[in-house]
Amino acid sequence: MDAFDRWWIWAEKSLDDPQTIPVWLHEAVLQLSPDERRDRSKVNAAAKEAEAHYEI
């Protein structure tokens, strides 16, 4: 499962579902425009860059 799939599974889950995603993924995708969030390659590229720079 890539970042695009992880994002959309999380974004479309029900409100009572406790599933979470990493902060770096959430922040990376929210920096994209709504149209870009539907582009698998853009979401995956943003997530890859964000994960590389994320400090625990």
N, C-alpha and C. Protein backbone atom coordinates (compact mmCIF):
# COMPACT_ATOMS: atom_id res chain seq x y z
N MET A 1 0.86 -1.18 0.00
CA MET A 1 0.00 0.00 0.00
C MET A 1 0.90 1.24 0.00
N ASP A 2 0.65 2.14 -0.90
CA ASP A 2 1.46 3.35 -0.97
C ASP A 2 0.80 4.49 -0.17
N ALA A 3 1.47 5.64 -0.14
CA ALA A 3 0.98 6.79 0.63
C ALA A 3 -0.38 7.26 0.12
N PHE A 4 -0.58 7.22 -1.17
CA PHE A 4 -1.86 7.63 -1.75
C PHE A 4 -2.99 6.78 -1.18
N ASP A 5 -2.81 5.47 -1.18
CA ASP A 5 -3.83 4.57 -0.64
C ASP A 5 -4.04 4.81 0.85
N ARG A 6 -2.95 4.96 1.58
CA ARG A 6 -3.06 5.20 3.03
C ARG A 6 -3.87 6.46 3.31
N TRP A 7 -3.57 7.53 2.55
CA TRP A 7 -4.27 8.79 2.74
C TRP A 7 -5.77 8.64 2.48
N TRP A 8 -6.13 8.06 1.34
CA TRP A 8 -7.55 7.98 0.98
C TRP A 8 -8.33 7.00 1.85
N ILE A 9 -7.70 5.94 2.27
CA ILE A 9 -8.38 5.03 3.22
C ILE A 9 -8.67 5.79 4.50
N TRP A 10 -7.69 6.55 4.98
CA TRP A 10 -7.88 7.33 6.21
C TRP A 10 -8.91 8.44 5.99
N ALA A 11 -8.81 9.17 4.89
CA ALA A 11 -9.69 10.31 4.64
C ALA A 11 -11.15 9.90 4.49
N GLU A 12 -11.39 8.69 4.00
CA GLU A 12 -12.76 8.25 3.75
C GLU A 12 -13.31 7.34 4.85
N LYS A 13 -12.56 7.16 5.93
CA LYS A 13 -13.03 6.29 7.01
C LYS A 13 -14.18 6.95 7.77
N SER A 14 -14.92 6.17 8.51
CA SER A 14 -16.00 6.73 9.32
C SER A 14 -15.40 7.45 10.53
N LEU A 15 -16.13 8.39 11.07
CA LEU A 15 -15.62 9.18 12.18
C LEU A 15 -15.35 8.36 13.44
N ASP A 16 -16.03 7.24 13.59
CA ASP A 16 -15.80 6.41 14.78
C ASP A 16 -14.68 5.39 14.60
N ASP A 17 -14.05 5.38 13.45
CA ASP A 17 -12.92 4.48 13.17
C ASP A 17 -11.65 5.11 13.76
N PRO A 18 -10.95 4.41 14.66
CA PRO A 18 -9.78 4.98 15.32
C PRO A 18 -8.49 4.95 14.47
N GLN A 19 -8.58 4.50 13.23
CA GLN A 19 -7.39 4.42 12.38
C GLN A 19 -6.72 5.78 12.27
N THR A 20 -5.39 5.79 12.31
CA THR A 20 -4.63 7.03 12.19
C THR A 20 -3.60 6.91 11.06
N ILE A 21 -3.03 8.05 10.70
CA ILE A 21 -1.92 8.10 9.76
C ILE A 21 -0.82 8.93 10.41
N PRO A 22 0.42 8.78 9.96
CA PRO A 22 1.51 9.57 10.53
C PRO A 22 1.33 11.07 10.28
N VAL A 23 1.83 11.87 11.19
CA VAL A 23 1.73 13.32 11.07
C VAL A 23 2.38 13.80 9.77
N TRP A 24 3.53 13.25 9.44
CA TRP A 24 4.24 13.70 8.23
C TRP A 24 3.40 13.47 6.98
N LEU A 25 2.64 12.37 6.95
CA LEU A 25 1.79 12.10 5.78
C LEU A 25 0.64 13.09 5.73
N HIS A 26 0.00 13.32 6.85
CA HIS A 26 -1.11 14.26 6.91
C HIS A 26 -0.67 15.65 6.46
N GLU A 27 0.44 16.13 7.02
CA GLU A 27 0.92 17.47 6.67
C GLU A 27 1.32 17.57 5.20
N ALA A 28 1.97 16.53 4.70
CA ALA A 28 2.41 16.55 3.29
C ALA A 28 1.22 16.63 2.34
N VAL A 29 0.20 15.85 2.60
CA VAL A 29 -0.96 15.83 1.70
C VAL A 29 -1.76 17.13 1.82
N LEU A 30 -1.87 17.67 3.02
CA LEU A 30 -2.63 18.91 3.18
C LEU A 30 -1.95 20.10 2.51
N GLN A 31 -0.67 19.99 2.25
CA GLN A 31 0.03 21.07 1.54
C GLN A 31 -0.29 21.05 0.04
N LEU A 32 -0.83 19.96 -0.44
CA LEU A 32 -1.23 19.86 -1.84
C LEU A 32 -2.61 20.47 -2.05
N SER A 33 -2.88 20.90 -3.26
CA SER A 33 -4.22 21.40 -3.57
C SER A 33 -5.19 20.22 -3.61
N PRO A 34 -6.48 20.48 -3.46
CA PRO A 34 -7.45 19.37 -3.53
C PRO A 34 -7.33 18.54 -4.81
N ASP A 35 -7.06 19.17 -5.94
CA ASP A 35 -6.88 18.41 -7.18
C ASP A 35 -5.62 17.55 -7.13
N GLU A 36 -4.54 18.09 -6.57
CA GLU A 36 -3.29 17.33 -6.47
C GLU A 36 -3.42 16.13 -5.54
N ARG A 37 -4.31 16.22 -4.56
CA ARG A 37 -4.52 15.11 -3.63
C ARG A 37 -5.13 13.90 -4.32
N ARG A 38 -5.65 14.08 -5.51
CA ARG A 38 -6.23 12.97 -6.28
C ARG A 38 -5.22 12.38 -7.27
N ASP A 39 -4.02 12.93 -7.26
CA ASP A 39 -2.96 12.49 -8.17
C ASP A 39 -1.99 11.59 -7.40
N ARG A 40 -2.03 10.30 -7.70
CA ARG A 40 -1.21 9.32 -6.97
C ARG A 40 0.27 9.70 -6.96
N SER A 41 0.81 10.10 -8.09
CA SER A 41 2.24 10.40 -8.14
C SER A 41 2.60 11.63 -7.31
N LYS A 42 1.74 12.63 -7.28
CA LYS A 42 2.02 13.83 -6.48
C LYS A 42 1.92 13.54 -4.99
N VAL A 43 0.92 12.77 -4.59
CA VAL A 43 0.79 12.41 -3.17
C VAL A 43 1.98 11.57 -2.74
N ASN A 44 2.35 10.58 -3.53
CA ASN A 44 3.47 9.72 -3.17
C ASN A 44 4.79 10.50 -3.12
N ALA A 45 4.99 11.43 -4.04
CA ALA A 45 6.21 12.24 -4.05
C ALA A 45 6.27 13.14 -2.82
N ALA A 46 5.16 13.78 -2.49
CA ALA A 46 5.11 14.65 -1.32
C ALA A 46 5.34 13.85 -0.05
N ALA A 47 4.76 12.68 0.03
CA ALA A 47 4.92 11.83 1.21
C ALA A 47 6.35 11.35 1.35
N LYS A 48 6.97 10.97 0.24
CA LYS A 48 8.36 10.49 0.28
C LYS A 48 9.28 11.59 0.78
N GLU A 49 9.10 12.80 0.29
CA GLU A 49 9.92 13.92 0.73
C GLU A 49 9.67 14.24 2.20
N ALA A 50 8.42 14.25 2.60
CA ALA A 50 8.08 14.57 3.99
C ALA A 50 8.64 13.52 4.95
N GLU A 51 8.53 12.26 4.59
CA GLU A 51 9.04 11.20 5.46
C GLU A 51 10.55 11.31 5.61
N ALA A 52 11.24 11.66 4.55
CA ALA A 52 12.70 11.79 4.60
C ALA A 52 13.14 12.93 5.52
N HIS A 53 12.30 13.95 5.65
CA HIS A 53 12.66 15.11 6.47
C HIS A 53 12.03 15.09 7.86
N TYR A 54 11.19 14.11 8.13
CA TYR A 54 10.48 14.05 9.40
C TYR A 54 11.44 13.65 10.52
N GLU A 55 11.40 14.41 11.60
CA GLU A 55 12.23 14.10 12.76
C GLU A 55 11.35 13.60 13.89
N ILE A 56 11.73 12.47 14.44
CA ILE A 56 10.95 11.89 15.54
C ILE A 56 11.31 12.57 16.83
